[in-house]
Amino acid sequence: MDVIAVSQKPLEEKFLIKNKEKGGFVKSRREATSTRRTSATVKTAEIADWTDAMNKLTMPISGAFLTIPQAADFLGFKPSYLRKLCFLKQIPHFKPNGGHLLFDRAELEAYVRAGRVASNSELADRADAILNGGL
């Protein structure tokens, strides 16, 4: 949508907006607003699709290192929390030449898998095994 001209009258503003779908001009403010909302929704969806495609293209291939934003997205953490975990040395990371933090995808997966919590039935099975004859 392109704004062609704006004419102001004492009690009323009229917007002349070229409406590509109808091939004419929209003259009332209500029509202009509804048309803008529709195109804004379409443009927002297009931007989201484009952003997803770009994220997939910029995501490193398996075995490559991840940056803080990529690792935070991978783990579902905020970047600031991920930095805190690095500072506390609670998560495996690399800091080449004392510079940027980098993460190995396989090590992050191992970190997540190490935090697995057993279910009640698994704990009961382990307890029965211990009580009935050892490990």
Protein backbone atom coordinates (compact mmCIF):
# COMPACT_ATOMS: atom_id res chain seq x y z
CA MET A 1 0.00 0.00 0.00
CA ASP A 2 1.34 3.40 -0.95
CA VAL A 3 0.05 6.68 0.47
CA ILE A 4 -0.70 8.87 -2.53
CA ALA A 5 -2.01 12.05 -0.91
CA VAL A 6 -3.53 13.32 2.31
CA SER A 7 -6.14 16.05 2.20
CA GLN A 8 -7.27 17.70 5.41
CA LYS A 9 -10.68 19.25 5.81
CA PRO A 10 -11.90 21.05 8.94
CA LEU A 11 -13.71 18.10 10.53
CA GLU A 12 -12.49 15.18 8.48
CA GLU A 13 -9.25 13.67 7.21
CA LYS A 14 -9.38 11.66 4.07
CA PHE A 15 -6.65 9.29 3.08
CA LEU A 16 -6.16 8.35 -0.51
CA ILE A 17 -4.43 5.01 -0.41
CA LYS A 18 -3.89 2.92 -3.44
CA ASN A 19 -5.54 -0.41 -2.80
CA LYS A 20 -3.75 -3.03 -4.87
CA GLU A 21 -6.37 -5.74 -4.25
CA LYS A 22 -9.29 -3.63 -5.51
CA GLY A 23 -7.32 -1.68 -8.07
CA GLY A 24 -8.73 1.67 -6.94
CA PHE A 25 -8.44 4.18 -4.12
CA VAL A 26 -9.72 3.95 -0.57
CA LYS A 27 -11.24 7.24 0.50
CA SER A 28 -12.55 6.79 4.01
CA ARG A 29 -10.43 6.42 7.12
CA ARG A 30 -12.32 3.27 8.14
CA GLU A 31 -11.56 1.57 4.83
CA ALA A 32 -7.94 2.64 5.03
CA THR A 33 -7.54 1.28 8.56
CA SER A 34 -9.17 -2.07 7.79
CA THR A 35 -7.03 -2.44 4.67
CA ARG A 36 -3.89 -1.61 6.65
CA ARG A 37 -4.70 -4.17 9.33
CA THR A 38 -5.20 -6.89 6.74
CA SER A 39 -1.93 -6.11 4.97
CA ALA A 40 -0.12 -5.75 8.29
CA THR A 41 -1.28 -9.23 9.27
CA VAL A 42 -0.13 -10.64 5.96
CA LYS A 43 3.20 -8.80 6.18
CA THR A 44 3.72 -10.04 9.76
CA ALA A 45 3.15 -13.63 8.66
CA GLU A 46 5.54 -13.18 5.73
CA ILE A 47 8.20 -11.70 8.02
CA ALA A 48 7.80 -14.60 10.49
CA ASP A 49 8.19 -17.13 7.66
CA TRP A 50 11.24 -15.29 6.33
CA THR A 51 12.79 -15.13 9.82
CA ASP A 52 12.28 -18.88 10.35
CA ALA A 53 13.89 -19.62 7.00
CA MET A 54 16.87 -17.39 7.81
CA ASN A 55 17.31 -19.02 11.23
CA LYS A 56 17.43 -22.44 9.60
CA LEU A 57 20.00 -21.23 7.09
CA THR A 58 22.23 -19.64 9.71
CA MET A 59 21.99 -22.56 12.16
CA PRO A 60 25.28 -24.42 12.04
CA ILE A 61 25.41 -27.98 10.83
CA SER A 62 25.92 -30.89 13.21
CA GLY A 63 29.31 -30.86 14.92
CA ALA A 64 29.81 -27.10 14.57
CA PHE A 65 29.91 -24.72 17.49
CA LEU A 66 26.94 -22.68 18.63
CA THR A 67 27.02 -19.05 19.69
CA ILE A 68 25.25 -17.80 22.82
CA PRO A 69 21.96 -16.88 21.07
CA GLN A 70 21.91 -20.18 19.17
CA ALA A 71 22.72 -22.25 22.27
CA ALA A 72 20.15 -20.34 24.33
CA ASP A 73 17.53 -21.03 21.67
CA PHE A 74 18.59 -24.69 21.51
CA LEU A 75 18.26 -25.11 25.31
CA GLY A 76 15.26 -22.83 25.77
CA PHE A 77 17.15 -20.49 28.11
CA LYS A 78 17.63 -16.75 27.99
CA PRO A 79 21.12 -15.70 26.82
CA SER A 80 21.76 -13.97 30.16
CA TYR A 81 20.98 -17.18 32.09
CA LEU A 82 23.27 -19.15 29.79
CA ARG A 83 26.10 -16.66 30.50
CA LYS A 84 25.45 -17.08 34.22
CA LEU A 85 25.72 -20.88 33.91
CA CYS A 86 29.04 -20.41 32.09
CA PHE A 87 30.34 -18.05 34.76
CA LEU A 88 29.40 -20.59 37.45
CA LYS A 89 31.02 -23.33 35.31
CA GLN A 90 27.84 -25.40 35.39
CA ILE A 91 27.61 -25.94 31.64
CA PRO A 92 30.33 -27.09 29.23
CA HIS A 93 31.60 -24.31 26.98
CA PHE A 94 34.61 -23.06 25.05
CA LYS A 95 36.19 -19.64 25.29
CA PRO A 96 38.92 -19.48 22.64
CA ASN A 97 41.58 -16.87 23.45
CA GLY A 98 39.41 -15.58 26.28
CA GLY A 99 36.88 -14.25 23.75
CA HIS A 100 33.38 -15.26 22.76
CA LEU A 101 31.61 -18.19 24.36
CA LEU A 102 31.04 -21.18 22.09
CA PHE A 103 29.14 -24.38 22.73
CA ASP A 104 29.34 -27.85 21.21
CA ARG A 105 25.88 -29.14 20.28
CA ALA A 106 26.69 -32.73 21.37
CA GLU A 107 27.92 -31.52 24.78
CA LEU A 108 24.76 -29.46 25.26
CA GLU A 109 22.63 -32.51 24.44
CA ALA A 110 24.66 -34.56 26.96
CA TYR A 111 24.17 -31.77 29.54
CA VAL A 112 20.41 -31.92 29.04
CA ARG A 113 20.32 -35.74 29.14
CA ALA A 114 22.39 -35.79 32.37
CA GLY A 115 19.61 -33.93 34.16
CA ARG A 116 17.03 -36.69 33.58
CA VAL A 117 14.72 -37.36 36.52
CA ALA A 118 13.50 -40.93 36.97
CA SER A 119 9.78 -41.59 37.22
CA ASN A 120 8.16 -43.06 40.34
CA SER A 121 7.79 -46.48 38.70
CA GLU A 122 11.50 -46.52 37.78
CA LEU A 123 12.44 -45.58 41.34
CA ALA A 124 10.16 -48.29 42.72
CA ASP A 125 11.76 -50.87 40.40
CA ARG A 126 15.24 -49.82 41.59
CA ALA A 127 14.15 -50.00 45.23
CA ASP A 128 12.71 -53.49 44.71
CA ALA A 129 15.91 -54.63 42.99
CA ILE A 130 18.04 -53.32 45.89
CA LEU A 131 15.81 -54.87 48.57
CA ASN A 132 15.54 -58.24 46.79
CA GLY A 133 19.14 -58.95 46.12
CA GLY A 134 21.35 -56.01 45.43
CA LEU A 135 21.86 -53.89 42.37
